[in-house]
N, C-alpha and C. Protein backbone atom coordinates (compact mmCIF):
# COMPACT_ATOMS: atom_id res chain seq x y z
N UNK A 1 14.47 -2.94 -6.77
CA UNK A 1 14.25 -1.80 -5.35
C UNK A 1 12.94 -2.08 -5.19
N UNK A 2 13.00 -1.96 -3.44
CA UNK A 2 11.95 -2.55 -2.81
C UNK A 2 11.24 -0.84 -2.42
N UNK A 3 9.25 -1.19 -2.87
CA UNK A 3 8.79 0.12 -2.56
C UNK A 3 8.96 0.75 -1.15
N UNK A 4 9.44 0.33 -0.25
CA UNK A 4 10.04 1.24 0.61
C UNK A 4 10.84 1.93 0.63
N UNK A 5 11.73 1.48 -0.41
CA UNK A 5 13.21 2.33 -0.75
C UNK A 5 12.68 3.08 -2.03
N UNK A 6 12.07 2.56 -2.56
CA UNK A 6 12.30 3.92 -4.39
C UNK A 6 12.32 5.52 -4.04
N UNK A 7 12.91 5.70 -5.00
CA UNK A 7 13.42 6.99 -4.71
C UNK A 7 12.91 7.93 -6.20
N UNK A 8 12.81 9.59 -6.44
CA UNK A 8 11.94 9.61 -7.49
C UNK A 8 13.29 9.81 -8.08
N UNK A 9 13.37 10.19 -9.55
CA UNK A 9 14.51 10.14 -10.56
C UNK A 9 14.54 11.23 -11.61
N UNK A 10 15.41 11.64 -12.16
CA UNK A 10 15.11 12.90 -12.82
C UNK A 10 14.96 12.89 -14.37
N UNK A 11 14.76 13.10 -15.33
CA UNK A 11 15.48 13.08 -16.96
C UNK A 11 15.09 14.44 -17.58
N UNK A 12 16.12 14.61 -18.14
CA UNK A 12 16.15 15.57 -19.19
C UNK A 12 16.21 15.52 -20.27
N UNK A 13 14.92 15.62 -21.40
CA UNK A 13 14.44 15.76 -22.34
C UNK A 13 15.11 16.57 -23.30
N UNK A 14 16.35 16.20 -23.95
CA UNK A 14 17.17 16.93 -24.95
C UNK A 14 17.07 15.74 -26.31
N UNK A 15 16.06 15.26 -26.44
CA UNK A 15 16.12 14.90 -28.32
C UNK A 15 15.89 15.74 -29.06
N UNK A 16 14.94 17.42 -28.44
CA UNK A 16 14.78 17.94 -29.77
C UNK A 16 16.01 18.63 -30.73
N UNK A 17 14.86 18.99 -31.65
CA UNK A 17 16.22 19.12 -33.13
C UNK A 17 16.49 20.71 -32.84
N UNK A 18 16.32 21.74 -32.05
CA UNK A 18 16.43 23.28 -31.47
C UNK A 18 16.11 24.31 -32.74
N UNK A 19 14.78 23.72 -33.57
CA UNK A 19 14.83 24.18 -34.97
C UNK A 19 14.04 25.71 -34.98
N UNK A 20 14.09 25.94 -33.76
CA UNK A 20 13.81 28.15 -33.77
C UNK A 20 15.04 28.29 -33.21
N UNK A 21 15.98 27.39 -33.41
CA UNK A 21 17.41 28.84 -33.35
C UNK A 21 18.30 29.17 -34.40
N UNK A 22 17.51 29.27 -35.43
CA UNK A 22 18.40 29.59 -36.60
C UNK A 22 20.10 29.04 -36.78
N UNK A 23 20.12 27.64 -36.78
CA UNK A 23 21.10 27.42 -36.81
C UNK A 23 21.94 26.97 -35.78
N UNK A 24 21.27 27.49 -34.69
CA UNK A 24 22.53 27.04 -33.56
C UNK A 24 21.82 26.21 -32.55
N UNK A 25 22.42 25.51 -31.95
CA UNK A 25 22.20 24.58 -31.28
C UNK A 25 21.72 24.79 -29.79
N UNK A 26 20.39 25.41 -29.28
CA UNK A 26 20.44 25.94 -27.89
C UNK A 26 21.17 25.51 -26.61
N UNK A 27 21.05 23.74 -26.97
CA UNK A 27 21.54 23.37 -25.43
C UNK A 27 22.94 23.19 -25.32
N UNK A 28 23.71 23.77 -26.34
CA UNK A 28 25.01 23.91 -26.59
C UNK A 28 25.73 25.42 -26.55
N UNK A 29 24.36 26.60 -26.13
CA UNK A 29 24.78 28.07 -26.11
C UNK A 29 25.69 27.75 -24.64
N UNK A 30 26.16 28.85 -24.43
CA UNK A 30 27.18 28.67 -23.30
C UNK A 30 26.05 29.69 -21.81
N UNK A 31 26.20 28.96 -20.91
CA UNK A 31 25.77 29.62 -19.45
C UNK A 31 26.79 29.13 -18.51
N UNK A 32 27.65 30.03 -17.99
CA UNK A 32 28.32 30.23 -16.82
C UNK A 32 29.67 29.11 -17.40
N UNK A 33 30.12 29.26 -18.59
CA UNK A 33 31.33 28.53 -19.27
C UNK A 33 30.90 27.85 -19.76
N UNK A 34 29.94 26.92 -19.61
CA UNK A 34 28.94 25.37 -20.15
C UNK A 34 28.11 25.17 -20.78
N UNK A 35 28.28 24.80 -21.55
CA UNK A 35 26.72 24.07 -22.65
C UNK A 35 26.01 24.12 -21.81
N UNK A 36 24.33 24.74 -22.10
CA UNK A 36 23.56 24.63 -20.78
C UNK A 36 23.09 23.56 -20.85
N UNK A 37 23.08 22.53 -21.72
CA UNK A 37 22.56 21.13 -21.26
C UNK A 37 23.60 20.74 -20.14
N UNK A 38 24.77 20.81 -20.24
CA UNK A 38 25.98 20.30 -18.97
C UNK A 38 25.14 21.55 -18.11
N UNK A 39 25.34 22.48 -17.73
CA UNK A 39 24.37 23.47 -16.54
C UNK A 39 23.29 22.32 -16.40
N UNK A 40 22.50 22.33 -16.62
CA UNK A 40 21.65 21.82 -16.55
C UNK A 40 21.31 20.54 -16.11
N UNK A 41 22.32 19.60 -16.37
CA UNK A 41 22.41 17.94 -16.00
C UNK A 41 23.67 18.48 -14.56
N UNK A 42 23.84 19.25 -14.64
CA UNK A 42 24.98 19.19 -13.65
C UNK A 42 23.77 19.65 -11.69
N UNK A 43 23.06 20.63 -12.58
CA UNK A 43 21.84 20.94 -11.30
C UNK A 43 20.75 20.00 -11.18
N UNK A 44 20.35 19.26 -11.57
CA UNK A 44 20.17 18.15 -11.24
C UNK A 44 21.10 17.12 -10.65
N UNK A 45 22.29 16.54 -10.89
CA UNK A 45 22.90 15.59 -10.33
C UNK A 45 23.10 16.46 -8.65
N UNK A 46 23.09 17.55 -8.57
CA UNK A 46 23.22 18.15 -7.06
C UNK A 46 22.30 17.98 -5.90
N UNK A 47 21.08 17.25 -6.77
CA UNK A 47 20.17 16.78 -5.66
C UNK A 47 20.59 15.22 -5.24
N UNK A 48 21.36 14.26 -6.11
CA UNK A 48 21.70 13.33 -5.55
C UNK A 48 20.83 11.57 -6.22
N UNK A 49 19.90 12.10 -6.72
CA UNK A 49 18.83 11.17 -7.75
C UNK A 49 19.68 10.43 -8.82
N UNK A 50 18.91 9.57 -9.44
CA UNK A 50 20.02 9.11 -10.84
C UNK A 50 18.85 9.98 -11.85
N UNK A 51 19.97 10.30 -12.93
CA UNK A 51 19.45 11.61 -13.32
C UNK A 51 19.59 10.87 -15.34
N UNK A 52 18.88 10.62 -15.94
CA UNK A 52 18.63 10.63 -17.31
C UNK A 52 18.60 12.06 -18.10
N UNK A 53 19.40 11.81 -19.46
CA UNK A 53 19.13 12.50 -20.57
C UNK A 53 18.70 11.89 -21.73
N UNK A 54 17.73 12.26 -22.81
CA UNK A 54 17.21 11.83 -23.89
C UNK A 54 18.22 12.73 -24.89
N UNK A 55 18.43 11.29 -25.77
CA UNK A 55 19.35 12.18 -26.78
C UNK A 55 18.96 11.47 -28.19
N UNK A 56 19.36 12.15 -29.34
CA UNK A 56 18.89 11.42 -30.81
C UNK A 56 20.33 10.46 -30.62
N UNK A 57 19.90 9.43 -31.05
CA UNK A 57 21.19 7.90 -31.61
C UNK A 57 22.54 9.26 -31.60
N UNK A 58 22.56 9.54 -32.61
CA UNK A 58 23.40 10.51 -33.48
C UNK A 58 24.41 11.65 -32.75
N UNK A 59 23.52 12.25 -31.95
CA UNK A 59 24.04 13.65 -31.61
C UNK A 59 24.98 13.56 -31.06
N UNK A 60 26.44 13.42 -31.46
CA UNK A 60 27.48 13.45 -30.87
C UNK A 60 27.95 14.62 -30.08
N UNK A 61 27.64 16.00 -30.69
CA UNK A 61 27.88 17.11 -29.86
C UNK A 61 26.76 17.20 -28.66
N UNK A 62 25.99 17.13 -28.40
CA UNK A 62 25.20 16.68 -26.83
C UNK A 62 26.13 16.00 -25.90
N UNK A 63 26.28 14.61 -26.48
CA UNK A 63 26.35 13.79 -25.75
C UNK A 63 27.99 14.14 -25.25
N UNK A 64 29.01 14.84 -26.49
CA UNK A 64 30.35 15.29 -25.64
C UNK A 64 29.53 16.79 -24.72
N UNK A 65 29.06 17.14 -24.50
CA UNK A 65 28.69 18.29 -23.56
C UNK A 65 28.04 17.67 -22.09
N UNK A 66 27.72 16.59 -22.02
CA UNK A 66 27.75 15.65 -20.76
C UNK A 66 28.61 14.50 -20.54
N UNK A 67 29.78 15.11 -21.54
CA UNK A 67 31.11 14.12 -21.22
C UNK A 67 31.45 14.08 -19.11
N UNK A 68 31.81 12.63 -19.18
CA UNK A 68 32.48 12.63 -17.37
C UNK A 68 31.20 12.91 -16.27
N UNK A 69 29.92 13.51 -16.50
CA UNK A 69 28.98 13.65 -15.62
C UNK A 69 28.47 11.54 -15.53
N UNK A 70 27.89 11.52 -14.84
CA UNK A 70 27.34 10.50 -14.03
C UNK A 70 26.10 10.17 -14.14
N UNK A 71 25.57 10.58 -16.04
CA UNK A 71 24.24 10.63 -16.35
C UNK A 71 23.71 9.40 -17.32
N UNK A 72 22.38 9.11 -16.75
CA UNK A 72 22.35 7.63 -18.08
C UNK A 72 21.52 8.28 -19.29
N UNK A 73 21.83 7.71 -20.52
CA UNK A 73 21.75 8.30 -21.73
C UNK A 73 21.20 7.48 -21.99
N UNK A 74 19.81 8.17 -22.67
CA UNK A 74 18.24 7.64 -23.16
C UNK A 74 18.42 7.61 -24.80
N UNK A 75 18.78 7.09 -26.14
CA UNK A 75 18.55 7.43 -27.25
C UNK A 75 16.94 7.25 -27.24
N UNK A 76 16.45 8.30 -28.22
CA UNK A 76 14.96 8.32 -28.78
C UNK A 76 15.32 8.00 -30.53
N UNK A 77 15.30 7.25 -30.74
CA UNK A 77 14.81 6.67 -32.64
C UNK A 77 13.97 7.52 -33.00
N UNK A 78 12.99 8.11 -32.26
CA UNK A 78 11.47 8.63 -33.00
C UNK A 78 11.84 10.33 -32.66
N UNK A 79 12.65 10.90 -32.22
CA UNK A 79 13.21 12.14 -31.65
C UNK A 79 12.28 13.02 -32.79
N UNK A 80 12.04 12.92 -33.96
CA UNK A 80 11.09 13.79 -35.17
C UNK A 80 9.79 13.93 -35.11
N UNK A 81 9.35 12.54 -33.98
CA UNK A 81 8.04 12.69 -33.85
C UNK A 81 7.42 14.17 -32.63
N UNK A 82 8.45 14.40 -31.93
CA UNK A 82 7.93 15.47 -31.32
C UNK A 82 8.72 14.91 -29.76
N UNK A 83 8.13 15.28 -28.46
CA UNK A 83 8.68 15.55 -27.33
C UNK A 83 7.96 13.65 -26.51
N UNK A 84 7.07 13.31 -27.20
CA UNK A 84 6.41 12.00 -26.75
C UNK A 84 7.54 11.08 -26.51
N UNK A 85 8.57 10.61 -27.80
CA UNK A 85 9.51 9.95 -27.93
C UNK A 85 10.42 10.22 -25.88
N UNK A 86 10.52 11.06 -26.11
CA UNK A 86 11.16 11.31 -24.71
C UNK A 86 10.77 11.15 -23.05
N UNK A 87 9.35 11.66 -23.66
CA UNK A 87 9.19 10.97 -22.36
C UNK A 87 8.59 9.31 -22.06
N UNK A 88 8.10 9.08 -23.57
CA UNK A 88 8.42 7.50 -23.32
C UNK A 88 9.51 7.11 -22.81
N UNK A 89 10.87 7.19 -23.38
CA UNK A 89 12.02 6.46 -23.08
C UNK A 89 12.19 6.82 -21.23
N UNK A 90 11.61 8.02 -20.47
CA UNK A 90 12.35 8.18 -19.87
C UNK A 90 11.09 7.43 -18.79
N UNK A 91 9.91 7.36 -19.11
CA UNK A 91 8.88 6.95 -17.73
C UNK A 91 9.09 5.62 -18.30
N UNK A 92 9.99 4.64 -19.00
CA UNK A 92 10.10 3.17 -18.90
C UNK A 92 11.60 2.99 -18.28
N UNK A 93 12.48 3.99 -18.42
CA UNK A 93 13.75 4.21 -17.48
C UNK A 93 13.14 4.33 -16.21
N UNK A 94 12.23 5.60 -15.66
CA UNK A 94 11.67 5.40 -14.54
C UNK A 94 10.97 3.78 -13.79
N UNK A 95 10.68 3.26 -14.83
CA UNK A 95 10.07 2.46 -14.08
C UNK A 95 10.15 1.33 -14.14
N UNK A 96 11.52 1.30 -15.17
CA UNK A 96 12.39 -0.19 -14.88
C UNK A 96 13.31 0.04 -13.45
N UNK A 97 13.87 1.33 -12.65
CA UNK A 97 13.96 1.45 -11.70
C UNK A 97 13.27 1.33 -10.94
N UNK A 98 11.58 1.19 -10.85
CA UNK A 98 10.97 1.47 -9.66
C UNK A 98 11.18 2.57 -9.17
N UNK A 99 11.20 3.41 -9.39
CA UNK A 99 11.37 4.93 -8.83
C UNK A 99 9.78 4.77 -8.29
N UNK A 100 9.84 5.54 -7.64
CA UNK A 100 8.26 6.33 -6.81
C UNK A 100 7.92 8.02 -7.72
N UNK A 101 8.63 8.23 -8.60
CA UNK A 101 8.26 9.60 -9.12
C UNK A 101 9.34 9.31 -10.35
N UNK A 102 9.09 10.66 -11.31
CA UNK A 102 9.62 11.44 -12.68
C UNK A 102 9.40 12.51 -12.33
N UNK A 103 10.24 13.44 -12.25
CA UNK A 103 10.82 14.91 -12.52
C UNK A 103 10.99 14.92 -13.59
N UNK A 104 10.28 15.37 -15.20
CA UNK A 104 10.65 16.00 -15.94
C UNK A 104 11.10 17.54 -15.85
N UNK A 105 12.29 17.55 -16.32
CA UNK A 105 13.49 18.93 -16.43
C UNK A 105 13.88 19.58 -17.33
N UNK A 106 12.79 20.25 -18.04
CA UNK A 106 13.19 21.07 -19.81
C UNK A 106 14.81 21.41 -19.35
N UNK A 107 15.98 20.85 -20.34
CA UNK A 107 17.25 21.61 -20.24
C UNK A 107 17.76 22.91 -20.87
N UNK A 108 16.56 23.28 -21.29
CA UNK A 108 16.42 24.88 -22.17
C UNK A 108 15.97 25.92 -20.95
N UNK A 109 15.98 25.56 -19.75
CA UNK A 109 15.55 26.06 -18.44
C UNK A 109 16.76 26.67 -17.81
N UNK A 110 17.58 27.51 -17.59
CA UNK A 110 18.94 27.84 -17.58
C UNK A 110 18.55 28.38 -15.53
N UNK A 111 17.43 28.70 -15.05
CA UNK A 111 17.69 29.87 -14.18
C UNK A 111 16.93 28.66 -13.07
N UNK A 112 16.54 27.43 -13.54
CA UNK A 112 16.18 26.45 -12.29
C UNK A 112 17.46 25.91 -12.31
N UNK A 113 18.12 25.70 -10.09
CA UNK A 113 18.60 25.09 -9.24
C UNK A 113 18.55 24.00 -8.76
N UNK A 114 19.53 23.43 -8.43
CA UNK A 114 19.43 22.41 -7.73
C UNK A 114 18.67 22.30 -6.63
N UNK A 115 18.86 23.54 -5.98
CA UNK A 115 18.07 23.88 -4.77
C UNK A 115 16.39 24.15 -5.17
N UNK A 116 15.84 24.39 -6.48
CA UNK A 116 14.64 24.69 -7.29
C UNK A 116 14.25 23.09 -6.62
N UNK A 117 14.93 21.98 -7.73
CA UNK A 117 14.73 20.48 -8.08
C UNK A 117 14.75 20.32 -6.21
N UNK A 118 15.57 20.75 -5.71
CA UNK A 118 15.91 19.57 -4.15
C UNK A 118 13.95 20.14 -3.54
N UNK A 119 14.12 21.76 -3.84
CA UNK A 119 12.30 21.90 -3.06
C UNK A 119 11.10 21.36 -3.47
N UNK A 120 11.20 20.51 -4.92
CA UNK A 120 10.00 20.22 -5.50
C UNK A 120 10.15 18.84 -5.30
N UNK A 121 11.16 18.39 -5.10
CA UNK A 121 11.21 17.12 -4.88
C UNK A 121 10.39 16.30 -3.07
N UNK A 122 11.20 17.52 -2.28
CA UNK A 122 10.52 17.42 -1.27
C UNK A 122 9.56 17.59 -0.54
N UNK A 123 8.82 18.54 -1.61
CA UNK A 123 7.22 19.09 -1.60
C UNK A 123 6.36 18.30 -2.25
N UNK A 124 7.22 17.31 -3.41
CA UNK A 124 5.97 16.18 -3.77
C UNK A 124 6.01 15.12 -3.16
N UNK A 125 7.18 15.02 -1.73
CA UNK A 125 6.31 13.39 -1.09
C UNK A 125 5.52 14.03 -0.09
N UNK A 126 5.21 15.02 0.24
CA UNK A 126 3.91 15.38 1.28
C UNK A 126 2.54 15.17 0.35
N UNK A 127 2.81 15.00 -0.89
CA UNK A 127 1.74 14.50 -1.55
C UNK A 127 1.63 13.54 -2.71
N UNK A 128 2.32 12.50 -2.46
CA UNK A 128 3.07 11.76 -4.21
C UNK A 128 1.89 11.05 -4.95
N UNK A 129 0.55 11.09 -4.36
CA UNK A 129 -0.16 10.62 -5.39
C UNK A 129 -0.15 11.54 -6.93
N UNK A 130 -0.05 13.12 -6.59
CA UNK A 130 -0.56 14.01 -7.43
C UNK A 130 0.47 14.60 -8.34
N UNK A 131 0.26 15.01 -9.60
CA UNK A 131 1.98 16.08 -10.16
C UNK A 131 1.50 16.83 -9.37
N UNK A 132 3.21 17.09 -9.20
CA UNK A 132 3.36 18.86 -8.79
C UNK A 132 4.09 19.33 -10.37
N UNK A 133 4.21 20.52 -10.24
CA UNK A 133 4.30 21.23 -11.50
C UNK A 133 4.70 22.41 -10.35
N UNK A 134 5.98 23.21 -11.02
CA UNK A 134 6.71 24.27 -11.02
C UNK A 134 5.71 25.33 -11.21
N UNK A 135 5.76 26.78 -10.53
CA UNK A 135 4.86 27.36 -11.19
C UNK A 135 5.91 29.37 -10.85
N UNK A 136 5.33 30.36 -11.65
CA UNK A 136 5.96 31.18 -11.27
C UNK A 136 5.55 31.48 -9.94
N UNK A 137 6.33 33.07 -9.62
CA UNK A 137 6.12 33.49 -8.09
C UNK A 137 4.05 33.92 -7.88
N UNK A 138 3.83 34.62 -9.15
CA UNK A 138 2.33 34.45 -9.22
C UNK A 138 1.14 33.73 -9.98
N UNK A 139 2.10 32.54 -9.90
CA UNK A 139 1.26 31.37 -9.97
C UNK A 139 1.06 30.39 -11.20
N UNK A 140 1.89 31.11 -12.43
CA UNK A 140 1.86 30.36 -13.50
C UNK A 140 2.03 29.38 -13.70
N UNK A 141 1.37 28.70 -14.29
CA UNK A 141 2.28 26.97 -14.02
C UNK A 141 3.37 26.50 -15.07
N UNK A 142 4.40 26.42 -14.62
CA UNK A 142 5.56 26.60 -15.47
C UNK A 142 6.23 24.69 -15.48
N UNK A 143 7.56 24.65 -15.63
CA UNK A 143 8.58 23.84 -15.24
C UNK A 143 9.37 23.78 -14.09
N UNK A 144 10.06 22.84 -13.81
CA UNK A 144 10.03 21.28 -13.84
C UNK A 144 8.44 20.55 -13.35
N UNK A 145 8.08 19.16 -13.81
CA UNK A 145 7.19 18.68 -13.74
C UNK A 145 7.64 17.23 -12.99
N UNK A 146 6.68 17.39 -12.05
CA UNK A 146 7.10 15.60 -11.06
C UNK A 146 6.08 14.31 -11.34
N UNK A 147 5.93 13.74 -11.93
CA UNK A 147 5.04 12.72 -12.28
C UNK A 147 5.06 11.26 -11.62
N UNK A 148 3.95 11.17 -10.31
CA UNK A 148 3.96 10.00 -9.80
C UNK A 148 4.38 8.51 -10.78
N UNK A 149 4.72 7.67 -10.20
CA UNK A 149 4.76 6.31 -10.50
C UNK A 149 3.36 5.74 -11.28
N UNK A 150 2.41 5.88 -10.44
CA UNK A 150 1.19 5.64 -10.97
C UNK A 150 0.87 5.72 -12.75
N UNK A 151 1.78 6.89 -13.01
CA UNK A 151 1.15 7.60 -14.46
C UNK A 151 2.36 6.81 -15.24
N UNK A 152 3.33 6.24 -15.29
CA UNK A 152 4.16 5.29 -15.92
C UNK A 152 3.91 4.29 -17.15
N UNK A 153 2.66 3.84 -16.93
CA UNK A 153 2.61 2.93 -17.99
C UNK A 153 1.52 4.03 -18.77
N UNK A 154 0.76 4.91 -18.28
CA UNK A 154 0.11 5.51 -19.47
C UNK A 154 1.44 6.98 -20.16
N UNK A 155 2.29 6.99 -19.64
CA UNK A 155 3.26 7.81 -20.21
C UNK A 155 4.07 7.12 -21.14
N UNK A 156 4.06 5.92 -20.96
CA UNK A 156 5.09 5.16 -22.42
C UNK A 156 3.91 4.73 -23.23
N UNK A 157 2.65 5.44 -23.06
CA UNK A 157 2.57 5.16 -24.72
C UNK A 157 1.54 6.92 -24.98
N UNK A 158 2.59 7.54 -24.77
CA UNK A 158 2.06 9.24 -25.45
C UNK A 158 2.59 9.03 -26.22
N UNK A 159 2.09 10.17 -27.35
CA UNK A 159 1.78 10.43 -28.80
C UNK A 159 2.20 11.70 -29.00
N UNK A 160 3.07 12.38 -30.34
CA UNK A 160 3.37 13.70 -30.90
C UNK A 160 3.79 14.65 -30.17
N UNK A 161 3.63 15.62 -30.02
CA UNK A 161 4.80 16.57 -29.77
C UNK A 161 3.65 17.53 -28.30
N UNK A 162 3.32 16.89 -27.88
CA UNK A 162 2.33 17.40 -26.75
C UNK A 162 3.28 16.65 -25.08
N UNK A 163 4.13 16.05 -25.69
CA UNK A 163 4.65 15.85 -23.96
C UNK A 163 3.57 14.85 -23.61
N UNK A 164 3.90 15.27 -22.05
CA UNK A 164 2.81 14.24 -21.32
C UNK A 164 1.03 14.75 -20.89
N UNK A 165 0.96 15.86 -21.63
CA UNK A 165 -0.33 16.36 -21.70
C UNK A 165 -1.47 15.11 -21.66
N UNK A 166 -1.74 14.69 -22.48
CA UNK A 166 -2.61 13.90 -22.81
C UNK A 166 -2.92 12.38 -21.43
N UNK A 167 -1.85 12.42 -20.85
CA UNK A 167 -1.64 11.51 -20.04
C UNK A 167 -2.05 11.55 -18.52
N UNK A 168 -1.93 13.38 -18.44
CA UNK A 168 -2.11 13.67 -17.29
C UNK A 168 -3.95 14.01 -17.32
N UNK A 169 -4.37 14.44 -18.24
CA UNK A 169 -5.81 14.78 -18.40
C UNK A 169 -6.70 13.70 -17.00
N UNK A 170 -7.15 14.82 -16.65
CA UNK A 170 -7.95 14.31 -14.99
C UNK A 170 -7.16 14.19 -14.18
N UNK A 171 -6.11 14.01 -14.19
CA UNK A 171 -4.97 14.21 -12.67
C UNK A 171 -4.92 14.86 -12.22
N UNK A 172 -5.41 15.14 -10.78
CA UNK A 172 -4.88 16.29 -10.14
C UNK A 172 -3.43 16.72 -10.09
N UNK A 173 -3.04 18.00 -10.02
CA UNK A 173 -2.13 18.85 -10.35
C UNK A 173 -1.97 19.80 -9.35
N UNK A 174 -0.73 19.69 -8.35
CA UNK A 174 -0.39 20.84 -7.45
C UNK A 174 0.63 21.85 -7.92
N UNK A 175 0.40 22.91 -7.99
CA UNK A 175 1.55 23.93 -8.16
C UNK A 175 2.44 24.36 -6.97
N UNK A 176 3.87 24.24 -7.43
CA UNK A 176 4.81 24.82 -6.40
C UNK A 176 5.20 26.12 -6.80
N UNK A 177 5.07 27.17 -6.27
CA UNK A 177 5.59 28.66 -6.77
C UNK A 177 7.08 28.85 -6.61
N UNK A 178 7.97 28.83 -7.65
CA UNK A 178 9.41 29.71 -7.45
C UNK A 178 9.94 30.84 -7.47
N UNK A 179 10.41 31.53 -7.21
CA UNK A 179 11.14 32.68 -6.87
C UNK A 179 11.03 33.45 -8.63
N UNK A 180 10.23 34.28 -8.71
CA UNK A 180 10.59 35.11 -9.83
C UNK A 180 9.12 34.09 -11.03
N UNK A 181 9.93 34.52 -12.41
CA UNK A 181 9.52 33.67 -13.46
C UNK A 181 10.32 32.66 -13.55
N UNK A 182 11.35 32.29 -12.66
CA UNK A 182 12.39 31.25 -13.71
C UNK A 182 11.55 29.67 -13.62
N UNK A 183 10.37 29.47 -13.23
CA UNK A 183 9.95 28.57 -14.08
C UNK A 183 8.70 28.27 -15.34
N UNK A 184 8.79 29.85 -15.84
CA UNK A 184 8.71 30.11 -16.87
C UNK A 184 9.81 30.15 -18.03
N UNK A 185 11.05 30.65 -17.52
CA UNK A 185 12.52 31.09 -19.15
C UNK A 185 12.72 30.07 -19.34
N UNK A 186 11.87 29.64 -20.62
CA UNK A 186 12.44 28.62 -21.11
C UNK A 186 13.40 29.62 -22.47
N UNK A 187 14.61 28.81 -23.20
CA UNK A 187 15.49 30.12 -24.29
C UNK A 187 15.36 28.74 -25.74
N UNK A 188 14.31 29.25 -26.05
CA UNK A 188 14.42 28.07 -27.33
C UNK A 188 14.34 29.07 -28.48
N UNK A 189 14.62 30.69 -29.10
CA UNK A 189 15.01 31.46 -30.03
C UNK A 189 16.16 32.31 -29.68
N UNK A 190 16.27 32.74 -30.52
CA UNK A 190 17.41 34.01 -30.23
C UNK A 190 17.31 35.00 -29.71
N UNK A 191 16.05 35.36 -29.71
CA UNK A 191 15.52 36.87 -29.38
C UNK A 191 15.43 36.25 -27.88
N UNK A 192 14.65 34.89 -27.52
CA UNK A 192 14.70 34.54 -26.13
C UNK A 192 16.36 34.61 -25.58
N UNK A 193 17.21 34.10 -25.60
CA UNK A 193 18.67 34.45 -25.30
C UNK A 193 19.05 35.59 -25.19
N UNK A 194 18.49 36.46 -26.35
CA UNK A 194 19.15 38.21 -26.22
C UNK A 194 18.51 38.35 -24.87
N UNK A 195 17.30 38.44 -24.87
CA UNK A 195 16.15 38.93 -23.51
C UNK A 195 17.03 38.14 -22.24
N UNK A 196 17.32 37.19 -21.97
CA UNK A 196 17.71 36.23 -20.98
C UNK A 196 19.02 37.10 -20.53
N UNK A 197 19.83 37.33 -21.84
CA UNK A 197 21.49 37.39 -21.55
C UNK A 197 21.03 39.13 -20.78
N UNK A 198 20.66 39.84 -21.19
CA UNK A 198 20.19 41.14 -21.11
C UNK A 198 19.71 41.49 -19.80
N UNK A 199 18.63 40.59 -19.09
CA UNK A 199 18.26 40.48 -17.57
C UNK A 199 19.56 40.31 -17.21
N UNK A 200 20.03 39.28 -17.38
CA UNK A 200 21.17 38.82 -16.25
C UNK A 200 22.08 39.45 -16.43
N UNK A 201 22.83 40.65 -17.23
CA UNK A 201 23.76 41.42 -16.94
C UNK A 201 22.80 42.27 -16.19
N UNK A 202 21.65 42.65 -16.24
CA UNK A 202 20.97 43.64 -15.46
C UNK A 202 21.02 43.15 -13.95
N UNK A 203 21.14 41.95 -13.67
CA UNK A 203 21.06 41.65 -12.41
C UNK A 203 19.25 40.82 -12.43
N UNK A 204 18.87 40.80 -13.55
CA UNK A 204 17.35 40.54 -13.43
C UNK A 204 16.88 39.27 -13.33
N UNK A 205 17.83 38.19 -14.02
CA UNK A 205 17.49 37.06 -14.43
C UNK A 205 16.57 36.49 -13.83
N UNK A 206 15.20 35.58 -14.06
CA UNK A 206 14.44 35.17 -13.20
C UNK A 206 13.57 35.70 -12.18
N UNK A 207 13.41 37.31 -12.27
CA UNK A 207 13.13 38.24 -11.19
C UNK A 207 11.38 38.65 -11.91
N UNK A 208 11.25 38.77 -13.06
CA UNK A 208 10.28 39.60 -13.86
C UNK A 208 9.68 38.37 -14.50
C-alpha cells in the first residue's frame, strides 16, 4: 500500500478471559439477537475498512460468534498477560498493512455504532498525527481510540494489562464527544449488564 493510499484499520481486542462475569462470557451475551462480539464486529465492518479481532488461539466459541464475517482473526498466545498482547498483535497487523491509523474498539461496548466509528475516523483525518479518543457528551475520555501510524512501533513493545497507555505517554490526545455516555458504557460485570438492560428497556441506553 502506497502512503497516499493508506487507510485506517480497526481492531477489536477480544482475547480477554471475561473473568468478572461470574462464569459467563460477556462477549457471547445476547445483544439484538446476536452475540455481543458479533454485534461489535458488524458495527466496525459497516464502515468499510479492514477489521481484525484478537482471540485466544483455542477460543472456539468466540471464533464461532464471528462465523461468516470478513474479519481477520489475530491469535494472542499470551492473552493471560493482559491487554498488551492484543495491542501488540493489532499494531503489528496494522503496520503490515501499511495502515494510516489503528482504531482500537473495545467489543464490550454495545452502544458504539457504525456511525460513531465513521465519525471518529473522519474526525481523525483532520489531525492525523494526534491520538483521537471518544468521550462522553460531558467530555469524559472513553473509547474507541484511534492511534496514528507513528505509534505502531512503540505499541508492539507494550507489556502488562494497561493496553496502549505507556506508548501514549506524552503524545497529544484530542477528544471527540459522542452522544450521552456511549463512549463510557462497557459491560464486564453482571451488574453492568443488568443496569444496561434496564436502561435499554426504559429507552435510556447510552444517554445518561
